[in-house]
Protein backbone atom coordinates (compact mmCIF):
# COMPACT_ATOMS: atom_id res chain seq x y z
CA UNK A 1 -24.89 67.11 82.87
CA UNK A 2 -28.63 66.46 82.92
CA UNK A 3 -30.30 63.07 83.28
CA UNK A 4 -31.24 62.78 79.59
CA UNK A 5 -27.64 63.37 78.54
CA UNK A 6 -26.43 60.73 81.00
CA UNK A 7 -28.99 58.21 79.70
CA UNK A 8 -27.85 58.90 76.13
CA UNK A 9 -24.18 58.45 77.07
CA UNK A 10 -24.89 55.11 78.74
CA UNK A 11 -26.95 54.05 75.72
CA UNK A 12 -24.04 54.77 73.38
CA UNK A 13 -21.66 52.90 75.67
CA UNK A 14 -24.07 49.94 75.66
CA UNK A 15 -24.17 49.91 71.86
CA UNK A 16 -20.38 50.13 71.63
CA UNK A 17 -19.97 47.23 74.08
CA UNK A 18 -22.52 45.11 72.18
CA UNK A 19 -20.84 45.93 68.87
CA UNK A 20 -17.42 44.92 70.17
CA UNK A 21 -18.77 41.67 71.65
CA UNK A 22 -20.92 40.64 68.67
CA UNK A 23 -18.37 41.55 66.00
CA UNK A 24 -15.59 39.72 67.88
CA UNK A 25 -17.75 36.64 68.19
CA UNK A 26 -18.64 36.75 64.48
CA UNK A 27 -15.08 37.13 63.25
CA UNK A 28 -13.76 34.48 65.66
CA UNK A 29 -15.66 32.05 63.44
CA UNK A 30 -13.92 33.24 60.27
CA UNK A 31 -10.14 33.42 60.80
CA UNK A 32 -9.54 34.61 57.22
CA UNK A 33 -11.99 37.50 57.62
CA UNK A 34 -10.62 40.50 59.49
CA UNK A 35 -13.63 42.76 59.67
CA UNK A 36 -16.62 43.97 57.71
CA UNK A 37 -14.59 45.03 54.66
CA UNK A 38 -13.17 41.50 54.35
CA UNK A 39 -16.62 40.01 54.92
CA UNK A 40 -18.07 42.16 52.14
CA UNK A 41 -15.22 41.07 49.86
CA UNK A 42 -15.91 37.40 50.68
CA UNK A 43 -19.60 37.89 49.90
CA UNK A 44 -19.44 40.09 46.82
CA UNK A 45 -16.18 39.31 45.06
CA UNK A 46 -14.72 35.95 46.01
CA UNK A 47 -18.19 34.56 46.82
CA UNK A 48 -16.75 32.35 49.55
CA UNK A 49 -19.52 33.34 51.99
CA UNK A 50 -23.25 33.92 51.46
CA UNK A 51 -24.76 37.41 51.82
CA UNK A 52 -26.69 36.21 54.87
CA UNK A 53 -25.51 33.51 57.20
CA UNK A 54 -24.95 32.23 60.70
CA UNK A 55 -21.48 31.64 62.09
CA UNK A 56 -20.50 28.60 64.12
CA UNK A 57 -20.29 31.03 67.06
CA UNK A 58 -24.02 31.75 66.73
CA UNK A 59 -23.91 35.22 65.19
CA UNK A 60 -26.20 35.88 62.25
CA UNK A 61 -24.98 38.40 59.70
CA UNK A 62 -26.45 40.14 56.70
CA UNK A 63 -24.27 42.12 54.31
CA UNK A 64 -26.19 45.12 52.95
CA UNK A 65 -25.43 48.08 50.70
CA UNK A 66 -22.62 49.77 52.61
CA UNK A 67 -22.12 47.45 55.57
CA UNK A 68 -23.33 44.61 57.74
CA UNK A 69 -26.02 43.87 60.31
CA UNK A 70 -25.05 41.36 63.01
CA UNK A 71 -27.41 39.63 65.44
CA UNK A 72 -26.41 37.59 68.48
CA UNK A 73 -28.22 34.55 69.86
CA UNK A 74 -30.24 36.72 72.25
CA UNK A 75 -31.51 38.87 69.38
CA UNK A 76 -29.35 41.95 69.97
CA UNK A 77 -28.74 43.65 66.64
CA UNK A 78 -25.83 45.93 65.76
CA UNK A 79 -25.26 47.48 62.37
CA UNK A 80 -22.27 49.23 60.82
CA UNK A 81 -21.51 50.81 57.48
CA UNK A 82 -18.11 51.23 55.89
CA UNK A 83 -17.49 54.97 55.96
CA UNK A 84 -14.12 56.07 54.62
CA UNK A 85 -13.03 52.41 54.94
CA UNK A 86 -13.92 52.40 58.66
CA UNK A 87 -16.63 50.31 60.35
CA UNK A 88 -18.84 53.16 61.53
CA UNK A 89 -22.23 53.72 63.12
CA UNK A 90 -24.47 56.70 63.58
CA UNK A 91 -27.05 57.82 66.13
CA UNK A 92 -29.89 56.31 64.10
CA UNK A 93 -28.35 52.81 64.39
CA UNK A 94 -27.95 53.24 68.13
CA UNK A 95 -31.61 54.28 68.34
CA UNK A 96 -32.67 51.14 66.46
CA UNK A 97 -30.55 49.04 68.84
CA UNK A 98 -32.28 50.66 71.83
CA UNK A 99 -35.75 50.18 70.33
CA UNK A 100 -35.21 46.44 70.46
CA UNK A 101 -33.99 46.06 74.03
CA UNK A 102 -34.49 49.07 76.22
CA UNK A 103 -37.07 51.40 77.65
CA UNK A 104 -34.53 54.22 77.32
CA UNK A 105 -35.27 56.22 74.20
CA UNK A 106 -32.96 59.19 73.86
CA UNK A 107 -33.57 61.23 70.73
CA UNK A 108 -31.27 60.90 67.74
CA UNK A 109 -29.89 64.35 68.56
CA UNK A 110 -29.17 63.32 72.19
CA UNK A 111 -27.42 60.18 70.93
CA UNK A 112 -25.38 62.21 68.40
CA UNK A 113 -24.35 64.62 71.15
CA UNK A 114 -23.41 61.68 73.39
CA UNK A 115 -21.29 60.16 70.60
CA UNK A 116 -19.47 63.44 70.09
CA UNK A 117 -18.92 63.77 73.82
CA UNK A 118 -17.54 60.22 74.10
CA UNK A 119 -15.21 60.91 71.19
CA UNK A 120 -13.77 63.89 73.10
CA UNK A 121 -13.15 61.53 76.04
CA UNK A 122 -11.33 59.12 73.74
CA UNK A 123 -13.96 56.37 74.06
CA UNK A 124 -15.06 56.58 70.42
CA UNK A 125 -13.50 57.76 67.20
CA UNK A 126 -15.32 60.41 65.18
CA UNK A 127 -15.11 59.29 61.55
CA UNK A 128 -17.14 62.17 60.12
CA UNK A 129 -17.76 65.14 62.36
CA UNK A 130 -21.18 65.07 63.95
CA UNK A 131 -22.48 62.02 62.13
CA UNK A 132 -20.36 58.84 61.98
CA UNK A 133 -18.47 57.18 64.84
CA UNK A 134 -16.41 54.05 65.34
CA UNK A 135 -14.88 51.89 68.02
CA UNK A 136 -11.32 53.00 68.70
CA UNK A 137 -9.63 50.03 67.07
CA UNK A 138 -11.74 50.04 63.91
């Protein structure tokens, strides 16, 4: 495996770890909300939460078209869409995450390849072949 591939794999792992941490922190603040689908329901249908807000745990969120962007207190941003009712991300979102905090800039294709590779290792779930991925428990 070449150095670029290894950098891309570590970048994807970093995004996945940040997503798990930030999403857990956000939903710890809302015991009646069990994920992005519930959050979108609370925003759009029951109107019990605003479209944009900040949790008591310090996570800012913004519900958008098909998903949610979440930002921690240090400014790390993760973004997921609901794809086939699964909280999923793509290589483009990982690239945006890296743009904000890292000098590592694998291409979208390198990130997509890394996601596919990590799904074969059982570290990610491939929601749609070659394009959308998810954490294992989502």
